[in-house]
Amino acid sequence: MRSPALVAEEMRQLKYEFGAERLWFADDIFGLRPKWVCQLADEVQKLDAAIPFKMQSPRGLDDARYRAGLAACRMCGGLDGC
């Protein structure tokens, strides 16, 4: 698994060096790792690297761990207006 710091740095590069306005994370378990997503949110804030993004998520999943992951996604600019 890639570190949150590395992903946040790549988001910063995409935002400032390439002008990215939106991202898509193709990771089936992205929202199921709330601790990792919270760490990503912290790193994204440090680097001012927030970019609206969407992600894959399993259909019909609604447990506390998944909801915590979604809340953390919103903290780092994700879910593209959700």
N, C-alpha and C. Protein backbone atom coordinates (compact mmCIF):
# COMPACT_ATOMS: atom_id res chain seq x y z
N MET A 1 0.86 -1.18 0.00
CA MET A 1 0.00 0.00 0.00
C MET A 1 0.90 1.24 0.00
N ARG A 2 0.53 2.22 -0.76
CA ARG A 2 1.30 3.46 -0.85
C ARG A 2 1.02 4.34 0.36
N SER A 3 2.00 5.11 0.75
CA SER A 3 1.85 5.95 1.94
C SER A 3 0.96 7.15 1.64
N PRO A 4 0.22 7.63 2.65
CA PRO A 4 -0.59 8.83 2.47
C PRO A 4 0.27 10.04 2.07
N ALA A 5 1.48 10.13 2.61
CA ALA A 5 2.36 11.27 2.28
C ALA A 5 2.71 11.27 0.79
N LEU A 6 2.98 10.10 0.23
CA LEU A 6 3.32 10.01 -1.19
C LEU A 6 2.12 10.37 -2.06
N VAL A 7 0.95 9.89 -1.71
CA VAL A 7 -0.25 10.21 -2.48
C VAL A 7 -0.55 11.70 -2.40
N ALA A 8 -0.41 12.30 -1.22
CA ALA A 8 -0.66 13.74 -1.06
C ALA A 8 0.34 14.55 -1.89
N GLU A 9 1.58 14.12 -1.93
CA GLU A 9 2.58 14.82 -2.74
C GLU A 9 2.22 14.73 -4.22
N GLU A 10 1.75 13.59 -4.66
CA GLU A 10 1.33 13.47 -6.06
C GLU A 10 0.11 14.34 -6.34
N MET A 11 -0.79 14.44 -5.37
CA MET A 11 -1.94 15.34 -5.54
C MET A 11 -1.47 16.78 -5.66
N ARG A 12 -0.49 17.16 -4.85
CA ARG A 12 0.07 18.52 -4.93
C ARG A 12 0.66 18.78 -6.31
N GLN A 13 1.42 17.82 -6.81
CA GLN A 13 2.02 17.96 -8.13
C GLN A 13 0.95 18.09 -9.21
N LEU A 14 -0.06 17.25 -9.15
CA LEU A 14 -1.13 17.31 -10.14
C LEU A 14 -1.85 18.66 -10.09
N LYS A 15 -2.07 19.16 -8.89
CA LYS A 15 -2.77 20.43 -8.71
C LYS A 15 -1.95 21.61 -9.22
N TYR A 16 -0.70 21.70 -8.80
CA TYR A 16 0.09 22.91 -9.08
C TYR A 16 0.96 22.81 -10.33
N GLU A 17 1.42 21.63 -10.68
CA GLU A 17 2.30 21.51 -11.84
C GLU A 17 1.53 21.19 -13.12
N PHE A 18 0.37 20.54 -12.98
CA PHE A 18 -0.38 20.13 -14.16
C PHE A 18 -1.77 20.74 -14.23
N GLY A 19 -2.17 21.49 -13.20
CA GLY A 19 -3.47 22.17 -13.21
C GLY A 19 -4.67 21.25 -13.08
N ALA A 20 -4.48 20.08 -12.46
CA ALA A 20 -5.60 19.15 -12.30
C ALA A 20 -6.72 19.80 -11.49
N GLU A 21 -7.93 19.59 -11.92
CA GLU A 21 -9.10 20.14 -11.23
C GLU A 21 -9.95 19.06 -10.58
N ARG A 22 -9.77 17.80 -10.98
CA ARG A 22 -10.52 16.68 -10.43
C ARG A 22 -9.67 15.41 -10.53
N LEU A 23 -9.90 14.49 -9.60
CA LEU A 23 -9.20 13.21 -9.62
C LEU A 23 -10.20 12.07 -9.48
N TRP A 24 -9.78 10.90 -9.92
CA TRP A 24 -10.55 9.68 -9.76
C TRP A 24 -9.61 8.66 -9.13
N PHE A 25 -9.97 8.13 -7.97
CA PHE A 25 -9.20 7.08 -7.33
C PHE A 25 -9.86 5.75 -7.67
N ALA A 26 -9.17 4.93 -8.42
CA ALA A 26 -9.67 3.61 -8.79
C ALA A 26 -9.13 2.60 -7.79
N ASP A 27 -9.73 2.59 -6.61
CA ASP A 27 -9.29 1.73 -5.51
C ASP A 27 -10.54 1.22 -4.81
N ASP A 28 -10.84 -0.05 -4.99
CA ASP A 28 -12.09 -0.61 -4.46
C ASP A 28 -12.25 -0.48 -2.96
N ILE A 29 -11.16 -0.34 -2.22
CA ILE A 29 -11.26 -0.30 -0.76
C ILE A 29 -10.86 1.06 -0.18
N PHE A 30 -10.81 2.08 -1.00
CA PHE A 30 -10.37 3.41 -0.55
C PHE A 30 -11.11 3.85 0.71
N GLY A 31 -12.42 3.83 0.69
CA GLY A 31 -13.21 4.30 1.84
C GLY A 31 -13.25 3.34 3.00
N LEU A 32 -12.68 2.16 2.84
CA LEU A 32 -12.71 1.17 3.91
C LEU A 32 -11.49 1.25 4.81
N ARG A 33 -10.61 2.19 4.55
CA ARG A 33 -9.41 2.36 5.37
C ARG A 33 -9.42 3.75 6.00
N PRO A 34 -10.33 4.01 6.94
CA PRO A 34 -10.46 5.36 7.48
C PRO A 34 -9.18 5.90 8.10
N LYS A 35 -8.40 5.06 8.74
CA LYS A 35 -7.15 5.54 9.34
C LYS A 35 -6.21 6.07 8.25
N TRP A 36 -6.08 5.32 7.17
CA TRP A 36 -5.23 5.75 6.06
C TRP A 36 -5.78 7.03 5.43
N VAL A 37 -7.11 7.09 5.24
CA VAL A 37 -7.73 8.26 4.63
C VAL A 37 -7.56 9.49 5.53
N CYS A 38 -7.66 9.31 6.85
CA CYS A 38 -7.43 10.43 7.78
C CYS A 38 -5.99 10.92 7.69
N GLN A 39 -5.06 9.99 7.56
CA GLN A 39 -3.65 10.39 7.39
C GLN A 39 -3.48 11.13 6.07
N LEU A 40 -4.15 10.67 5.02
CA LEU A 40 -4.10 11.38 3.74
C LEU A 40 -4.65 12.79 3.89
N ALA A 41 -5.78 12.92 4.58
CA ALA A 41 -6.38 14.24 4.78
C ALA A 41 -5.40 15.19 5.48
N ASP A 42 -4.70 14.69 6.48
CA ASP A 42 -3.70 15.51 7.19
C ASP A 42 -2.59 15.95 6.25
N GLU A 43 -2.08 15.01 5.46
CA GLU A 43 -0.98 15.32 4.53
C GLU A 43 -1.44 16.29 3.45
N VAL A 44 -2.65 16.10 2.95
CA VAL A 44 -3.19 16.99 1.92
C VAL A 44 -3.31 18.41 2.47
N GLN A 45 -3.77 18.54 3.71
CA GLN A 45 -3.87 19.87 4.32
C GLN A 45 -2.50 20.52 4.45
N LYS A 46 -1.51 19.77 4.89
CA LYS A 46 -0.15 20.31 5.06
C LYS A 46 0.39 20.87 3.75
N LEU A 47 0.07 20.21 2.64
CA LEU A 47 0.63 20.59 1.34
C LEU A 47 -0.30 21.49 0.52
N ASP A 48 -1.46 21.84 1.08
CA ASP A 48 -2.47 22.60 0.33
C ASP A 48 -2.74 21.91 -1.01
N ALA A 49 -2.98 20.62 -0.94
CA ALA A 49 -3.10 19.80 -2.15
C ALA A 49 -4.51 19.28 -2.40
N ALA A 50 -5.51 19.85 -1.74
CA ALA A 50 -6.87 19.34 -1.90
C ALA A 50 -7.36 19.56 -3.33
N ILE A 51 -7.89 18.50 -3.90
CA ILE A 51 -8.49 18.52 -5.24
C ILE A 51 -9.78 17.70 -5.12
N PRO A 52 -10.88 18.19 -5.67
CA PRO A 52 -12.10 17.38 -5.64
C PRO A 52 -11.85 16.02 -6.30
N PHE A 53 -12.33 14.96 -5.69
CA PHE A 53 -12.12 13.64 -6.29
C PHE A 53 -13.32 12.73 -6.07
N LYS A 54 -13.37 11.73 -6.90
CA LYS A 54 -14.33 10.65 -6.76
C LYS A 54 -13.55 9.37 -6.55
N MET A 55 -14.23 8.38 -6.05
CA MET A 55 -13.59 7.09 -5.81
C MET A 55 -14.60 5.98 -6.00
N GLN A 56 -14.10 4.79 -6.23
CA GLN A 56 -14.94 3.61 -6.28
C GLN A 56 -15.31 3.24 -4.85
N SER A 57 -16.46 2.66 -4.69
CA SER A 57 -16.82 2.11 -3.38
C SER A 57 -17.78 0.96 -3.60
N PRO A 58 -17.73 -0.02 -2.71
CA PRO A 58 -18.65 -1.16 -2.85
C PRO A 58 -20.10 -0.71 -2.71
N ARG A 59 -20.95 -1.24 -3.53
CA ARG A 59 -22.37 -0.90 -3.50
C ARG A 59 -23.03 -1.48 -2.25
N GLY A 60 -23.87 -0.69 -1.62
CA GLY A 60 -24.66 -1.17 -0.50
C GLY A 60 -23.92 -1.26 0.82
N LEU A 61 -22.71 -0.74 0.87
CA LEU A 61 -21.95 -0.82 2.11
C LEU A 61 -22.27 0.40 2.98
N ASP A 62 -22.71 0.16 4.20
CA ASP A 62 -23.06 1.28 5.07
C ASP A 62 -22.76 0.89 6.52
N ASP A 63 -21.49 0.69 6.82
CA ASP A 63 -21.13 0.41 8.21
C ASP A 63 -20.35 1.59 8.78
N ALA A 64 -20.08 1.56 10.05
CA ALA A 64 -19.42 2.69 10.72
C ALA A 64 -18.04 2.95 10.14
N ARG A 65 -17.30 1.89 9.82
CA ARG A 65 -15.95 2.06 9.27
C ARG A 65 -16.00 2.78 7.92
N TYR A 66 -16.96 2.39 7.10
CA TYR A 66 -17.11 3.03 5.78
C TYR A 66 -17.51 4.49 5.92
N ARG A 67 -18.45 4.78 6.82
CA ARG A 67 -18.87 6.18 7.03
C ARG A 67 -17.72 7.03 7.54
N ALA A 68 -16.86 6.48 8.41
CA ALA A 68 -15.69 7.22 8.89
C ALA A 68 -14.74 7.52 7.74
N GLY A 69 -14.58 6.56 6.85
CA GLY A 69 -13.73 6.78 5.68
C GLY A 69 -14.27 7.87 4.77
N LEU A 70 -15.58 7.89 4.57
CA LEU A 70 -16.18 8.93 3.75
C LEU A 70 -16.02 10.31 4.38
N ALA A 71 -16.17 10.40 5.69
CA ALA A 71 -15.97 11.68 6.37
C ALA A 71 -14.55 12.17 6.18
N ALA A 72 -13.59 11.27 6.27
CA ALA A 72 -12.19 11.66 6.06
C ALA A 72 -11.96 12.09 4.61
N CYS A 73 -12.63 11.43 3.66
CA CYS A 73 -12.49 11.84 2.26
C CYS A 73 -12.93 13.29 2.07
N ARG A 74 -14.02 13.64 2.71
CA ARG A 74 -14.51 15.02 2.59
C ARG A 74 -13.50 16.01 3.14
N MET A 75 -12.75 15.61 4.18
CA MET A 75 -11.75 16.50 4.79
C MET A 75 -10.61 16.81 3.82
N CYS A 76 -10.32 15.89 2.90
CA CYS A 76 -9.20 16.15 1.99
C CYS A 76 -9.68 16.51 0.59
N GLY A 77 -10.89 17.01 0.49
CA GLY A 77 -11.37 17.55 -0.78
C GLY A 77 -12.15 16.58 -1.64
N GLY A 78 -12.38 15.39 -1.14
CA GLY A 78 -12.96 14.36 -1.97
C GLY A 78 -14.46 14.33 -2.04
N LEU A 79 -14.93 13.42 -2.81
CA LEU A 79 -16.33 13.11 -3.07
C LEU A 79 -17.00 14.16 -3.93
N ASP A 80 -16.26 15.06 -4.48
CA ASP A 80 -16.69 15.94 -5.56
C ASP A 80 -18.10 16.50 -5.34
N GLY A 81 -18.28 17.17 -4.23
CA GLY A 81 -19.54 17.83 -3.98
C GLY A 81 -20.58 17.00 -3.28
N CYS A 82 -20.24 15.79 -2.87
CA CYS A 82 -21.21 14.94 -2.16
C CYS A 82 -21.42 15.43 -0.75
